[in-house]
Amino acid sequence: MMRKILGAAASAAVLCTGAQAFAATLVIDDFSVDQRVQDTPAFEPNASEVGGGMLGGFRDLSVTNTAADGSNLAATELNVTGGNLKFSNVAGARGEGTLTYDGGDGDPNNVDTDGLGGVNLLIGTDPYFFFASSPSVPFDNVALFRATVWDVDGNTATYEELLDADYDPQLSFSEFAGVDFSRIGALQFFISSTGTNDSVDGAVTQIEVRAGDIAPIPLPASGLLLLGGMGGLSFLRRRKKA
């Protein structure tokens, strides 16, 4: 049985009262901090780490070009600019990109699996990741998507599906069996066109955690560091179930 998923628009609200904050949405990254990595002989680097207002205070990007048409310009890149994270394969190219949140350890190719220090992502009933893409830069070909979650107790879980042009905005936490989302150590999102299509392009505008209810959930005042204002996001993907 095939089920198709993607992301649409989202919004975030933050209410403050004394030492407490209340939120219906937790923003992981609104991509307001620019960053670019590309893998081709003509460009470096193919991995980098930047700091800012994203989850854990740091974002790691890395890319690998896995196939090309012989031109040095046929490259794979992840480019954060104008509030968008764009995955792009130049004509004739295939490749892979990795987006990691692990608190920042100075090495964008390494995952510090407890680097987020046990952050609590459980903000309500039936929480889920929510991804939204820019209507002006839709995903134009099938690609493999993978999400991996680590908690600080040493547990890890991975979810995988094919991105498609049909979509639903959510990826439920229930897909990651055995992981404690109240004690998260690291998050990683991976996309690959290696085994699917040449020249895959698409953009994500925001990554959030949302919940099945919208009741305000009290969080410590320090939680404000993880919360953003308004935003939208999407991803296209296709999940295969046995």
Protein backbone atom coordinates (compact mmCIF):
# COMPACT_ATOMS: atom_id res chain seq x y z
CA MET A 1 0.00 0.00 0.00
CA MET A 2 1.36 3.42 -0.95
CA ARG A 3 0.71 6.54 1.06
CA LYS A 4 1.76 9.93 -0.24
CA ILE A 5 2.95 12.74 2.00
CA LEU A 6 4.23 16.38 1.72
CA GLY A 7 4.16 19.67 3.53
CA ALA A 8 2.14 22.87 3.24
CA ALA A 9 2.04 26.14 5.18
CA ALA A 10 2.55 26.36 8.96
CA SER A 11 2.36 29.00 11.66
CA ALA A 12 3.93 29.40 15.09
CA ALA A 13 2.72 31.29 18.15
CA VAL A 14 4.66 32.08 21.32
CA LEU A 15 3.03 33.47 24.49
CA CYS A 16 5.12 34.57 27.46
CA THR A 17 4.03 34.84 31.10
CA GLY A 18 6.72 35.46 33.71
CA ALA A 19 9.27 32.66 33.57
CA GLN A 20 7.11 30.45 31.34
CA ALA A 21 6.48 30.27 27.61
CA PHE A 22 3.54 28.68 25.84
CA ALA A 23 3.76 27.34 22.31
CA ALA A 24 1.61 25.47 19.83
CA THR A 25 4.56 25.06 17.46
CA LEU A 26 8.28 24.61 17.97
CA VAL A 27 10.44 25.90 15.13
CA ILE A 28 13.49 23.74 14.43
CA ASP A 29 14.83 25.99 11.66
CA ASP A 30 13.36 28.89 9.68
CA PHE A 31 16.45 29.05 7.41
CA SER A 32 17.03 32.74 8.12
CA VAL A 33 20.81 32.10 8.42
CA ASP A 34 22.44 31.70 5.00
CA GLN A 35 24.73 28.74 4.23
CA ARG A 36 25.92 26.96 1.09
CA VAL A 37 27.75 23.69 0.40
CA GLN A 38 28.46 22.18 -3.01
CA ASP A 39 30.36 19.14 -4.23
CA THR A 40 32.24 19.61 -7.51
CA PRO A 41 35.96 19.97 -8.34
CA ALA A 42 35.41 23.69 -8.94
CA PHE A 43 33.91 24.56 -5.54
CA GLU A 44 34.65 24.13 -1.83
CA PRO A 45 33.58 23.37 0.81
CA ASN A 46 31.21 20.44 0.55
CA ALA A 47 30.42 20.59 4.31
CA SER A 48 30.05 23.42 6.82
CA GLU A 49 28.56 24.40 10.18
CA VAL A 50 26.86 27.72 11.02
CA GLY A 51 25.40 29.14 14.21
CA GLY A 52 22.13 30.98 14.72
CA GLY A 53 18.58 30.65 16.01
CA MET A 54 17.98 27.07 14.88
CA LEU A 55 17.50 24.09 17.24
CA GLY A 56 20.62 23.64 19.35
CA GLY A 57 22.12 26.86 18.00
CA PHE A 58 23.94 25.24 15.06
CA ARG A 59 23.20 23.74 11.64
CA ASP A 60 25.45 21.27 9.75
CA LEU A 61 25.19 20.78 5.98
CA SER A 62 27.10 18.35 3.79
CA VAL A 63 26.73 17.12 0.20
CA THR A 64 28.24 14.44 -2.03
CA ASN A 65 27.98 14.42 -5.81
CA THR A 66 27.52 10.76 -6.83
CA ALA A 67 27.04 10.97 -10.61
CA ALA A 68 27.70 13.56 -13.32
CA ASP A 69 27.63 13.98 -17.07
CA GLY A 70 31.34 14.71 -17.28
CA SER A 71 31.14 18.47 -16.68
CA ASN A 72 32.69 20.01 -13.58
CA LEU A 73 29.59 22.17 -13.38
CA ALA A 74 27.36 19.12 -12.91
CA ALA A 75 27.22 19.34 -9.13
CA THR A 76 25.06 18.74 -6.08
CA GLU A 77 24.41 21.48 -3.56
CA LEU A 78 22.47 22.53 -0.50
CA ASN A 79 21.97 26.28 -0.42
CA VAL A 80 20.24 28.25 2.36
CA THR A 81 19.29 31.71 1.14
CA GLY A 82 16.24 33.96 1.33
CA GLY A 83 14.57 31.75 3.95
CA ASN A 84 14.82 28.60 1.80
CA LEU A 85 16.92 25.46 2.00
CA LYS A 86 17.34 24.28 -1.59
CA PHE A 87 18.59 20.86 -2.65
CA SER A 88 19.81 20.98 -6.24
CA ASN A 89 21.47 18.72 -8.80
CA VAL A 90 22.73 20.53 -11.87
CA ALA A 91 21.67 18.96 -15.20
CA GLY A 92 23.06 15.45 -15.50
CA ALA A 93 24.05 15.16 -11.85
CA ARG A 94 22.88 13.04 -8.95
CA GLY A 95 23.88 13.40 -5.33
CA GLU A 96 23.13 13.38 -1.62
CA GLY A 97 22.64 16.05 1.02
CA THR A 98 22.60 15.87 4.82
CA LEU A 99 21.13 18.36 7.31
CA THR A 100 22.09 17.83 10.97
CA TYR A 101 21.17 19.45 14.29
CA ASP A 102 23.51 18.24 17.06
CA GLY A 103 24.37 21.33 19.06
CA GLY A 104 27.53 22.13 17.12
CA ASP A 105 30.80 20.27 17.62
CA GLY A 106 32.86 22.02 14.93
CA ASP A 107 32.77 19.02 12.57
CA PRO A 108 29.90 19.11 10.04
CA ASN A 109 30.66 15.53 8.96
CA ASN A 110 30.28 14.13 12.48
CA VAL A 111 27.08 13.57 14.48
CA ASP A 112 27.33 14.27 18.19
CA THR A 113 24.45 12.00 19.16
CA ASP A 114 23.87 13.70 22.52
CA GLY A 115 24.86 17.20 21.44
CA LEU A 116 21.35 18.66 21.93
CA GLY A 117 21.58 17.63 25.58
CA GLY A 118 18.21 15.93 25.90
CA VAL A 119 15.94 18.65 24.46
CA ASN A 120 12.22 17.95 24.87
CA LEU A 121 10.29 17.96 21.56
CA LEU A 122 7.02 16.67 23.03
CA ILE A 123 4.83 19.78 22.78
CA GLY A 124 1.35 18.23 22.73
CA THR A 125 -0.79 15.30 21.64
CA ASP A 126 0.43 13.18 18.70
CA PRO A 127 3.44 15.41 17.82
CA TYR A 128 5.02 15.31 14.38
CA PHE A 129 7.67 16.93 12.22
CA PHE A 130 6.20 19.40 9.75
CA PHE A 131 7.99 20.38 6.53
CA ALA A 132 6.86 23.02 3.99
CA SER A 133 8.20 23.86 0.53
CA SER A 134 8.13 27.10 -1.37
CA PRO A 135 5.47 27.04 -4.12
CA SER A 136 7.99 28.79 -6.36
CA VAL A 137 10.59 25.98 -5.97
CA PRO A 138 8.68 22.67 -5.84
CA PHE A 139 10.43 19.31 -5.87
CA ASP A 140 10.49 18.27 -9.51
CA ASN A 141 11.62 14.62 -9.37
CA VAL A 142 11.51 11.61 -7.06
CA ALA A 143 14.24 11.45 -4.40
CA LEU A 144 14.94 9.35 -1.31
CA PHE A 145 14.27 11.01 2.07
CA ARG A 146 15.56 9.70 5.40
CA ALA A 147 15.18 11.06 8.94
CA THR A 148 17.24 9.79 11.89
CA VAL A 149 16.63 10.63 15.55
CA TRP A 150 18.92 9.97 18.53
CA ASP A 151 18.07 10.35 22.21
CA VAL A 152 20.61 10.85 25.01
CA ASP A 153 19.94 7.34 26.34
CA GLY A 154 21.63 5.80 23.29
CA ASN A 155 18.49 4.94 21.34
CA THR A 156 18.17 5.69 17.64
CA ALA A 157 15.49 5.26 14.97
CA THR A 158 15.31 5.95 11.24
CA TYR A 159 12.40 6.62 8.91
CA GLU A 160 12.70 6.41 5.11
CA GLU A 161 10.45 7.14 2.14
CA LEU A 162 10.46 8.39 -1.45
CA LEU A 163 9.69 12.06 -2.01
CA ASP A 164 6.96 12.59 -4.57
CA ALA A 165 4.93 15.45 -5.98
CA ASP A 166 1.95 14.51 -3.78
CA TYR A 167 2.27 15.24 -0.11
CA ASP A 168 0.98 15.71 3.43
CA PRO A 169 2.69 18.07 5.88
CA GLN A 170 3.50 15.67 8.69
CA LEU A 171 5.91 12.94 9.72
CA SER A 172 4.68 11.49 12.99
CA PHE A 173 6.99 10.86 15.94
CA SER A 174 5.30 7.44 16.14
CA GLU A 175 7.35 6.39 13.09
CA PHE A 176 10.47 6.43 15.31
CA ALA A 177 9.87 3.52 17.67
CA GLY A 178 12.02 3.26 20.79
CA VAL A 179 13.24 6.88 20.86
CA ASP A 180 12.41 9.20 23.77
CA PHE A 181 11.40 12.51 22.17
CA SER A 182 11.54 14.19 25.58
CA ARG A 183 15.33 13.56 25.66
CA ILE A 184 16.59 14.18 22.12
CA GLY A 185 20.33 14.24 21.45
CA ALA A 186 20.47 14.86 17.68
CA LEU A 187 18.36 15.08 14.50
CA GLN A 188 19.46 14.40 10.94
CA PHE A 189 17.60 14.71 7.62
CA PHE A 190 19.00 13.16 4.44
CA ILE A 191 17.98 13.44 0.79
CA SER A 192 19.41 11.53 -2.17
CA SER A 193 18.84 11.39 -5.91
CA THR A 194 21.56 8.73 -6.37
CA GLY A 195 19.17 5.87 -7.06
CA THR A 196 16.23 7.85 -8.43
CA ASN A 197 16.61 10.72 -10.95
CA ASP A 198 19.04 13.20 -12.45
CA SER A 199 18.61 16.90 -11.75
CA VAL A 200 16.39 16.79 -8.66
CA ASP A 201 15.57 20.25 -7.31
CA GLY A 202 13.35 21.46 -4.48
CA ALA A 203 13.23 23.86 -1.55
CA VAL A 204 12.13 23.70 2.09
CA THR A 205 11.12 26.92 3.83
CA GLN A 206 10.85 25.78 7.45
CA ILE A 207 11.04 22.70 9.69
CA GLU A 208 8.78 22.60 12.74
CA VAL A 209 7.43 20.31 15.41
CA ARG A 210 3.65 20.47 15.64
CA ALA A 211 1.03 18.52 17.59
CA GLY A 212 -2.37 16.99 16.96
CA ASP A 213 -3.93 19.45 19.39
CA ILE A 214 -3.32 23.19 19.60
CA ALA A 215 -3.60 23.58 23.35
CA PRO A 216 -0.76 25.72 24.76
CA ILE A 217 1.96 23.61 26.42
CA PRO A 218 4.01 25.22 29.24
CA LEU A 219 7.76 25.20 28.60
CA PRO A 220 10.72 26.52 30.61
CA ALA A 221 11.70 30.09 29.82
CA SER A 222 14.87 28.72 28.20
CA GLY A 223 12.60 27.09 25.65
CA LEU A 224 12.23 30.49 24.01
CA LEU A 225 15.63 29.86 22.46
CA LEU A 226 13.99 27.10 20.43
CA LEU A 227 10.82 28.92 19.41
CA GLY A 228 10.23 31.10 16.35
CA GLY A 229 7.56 33.42 15.02
CA MET A 230 5.54 32.92 11.88
CA GLY A 231 6.62 30.47 9.21
CA GLY A 232 5.66 27.91 6.59
CA LEU A 233 7.26 24.70 5.41
CA SER A 234 6.88 21.64 3.25
CA PHE A 235 8.51 18.59 1.86
CA LEU A 236 7.31 16.02 -0.68
CA ARG A 237 7.72 12.44 0.03
CA ARG A 238 6.16 9.07 -0.56
CA ARG A 239 6.03 6.33 2.05
CA LYS A 240 5.93 2.62 1.21
CA LYS A 241 4.23 0.32 3.71
CA ALA A 242 4.26 -3.45 3.60
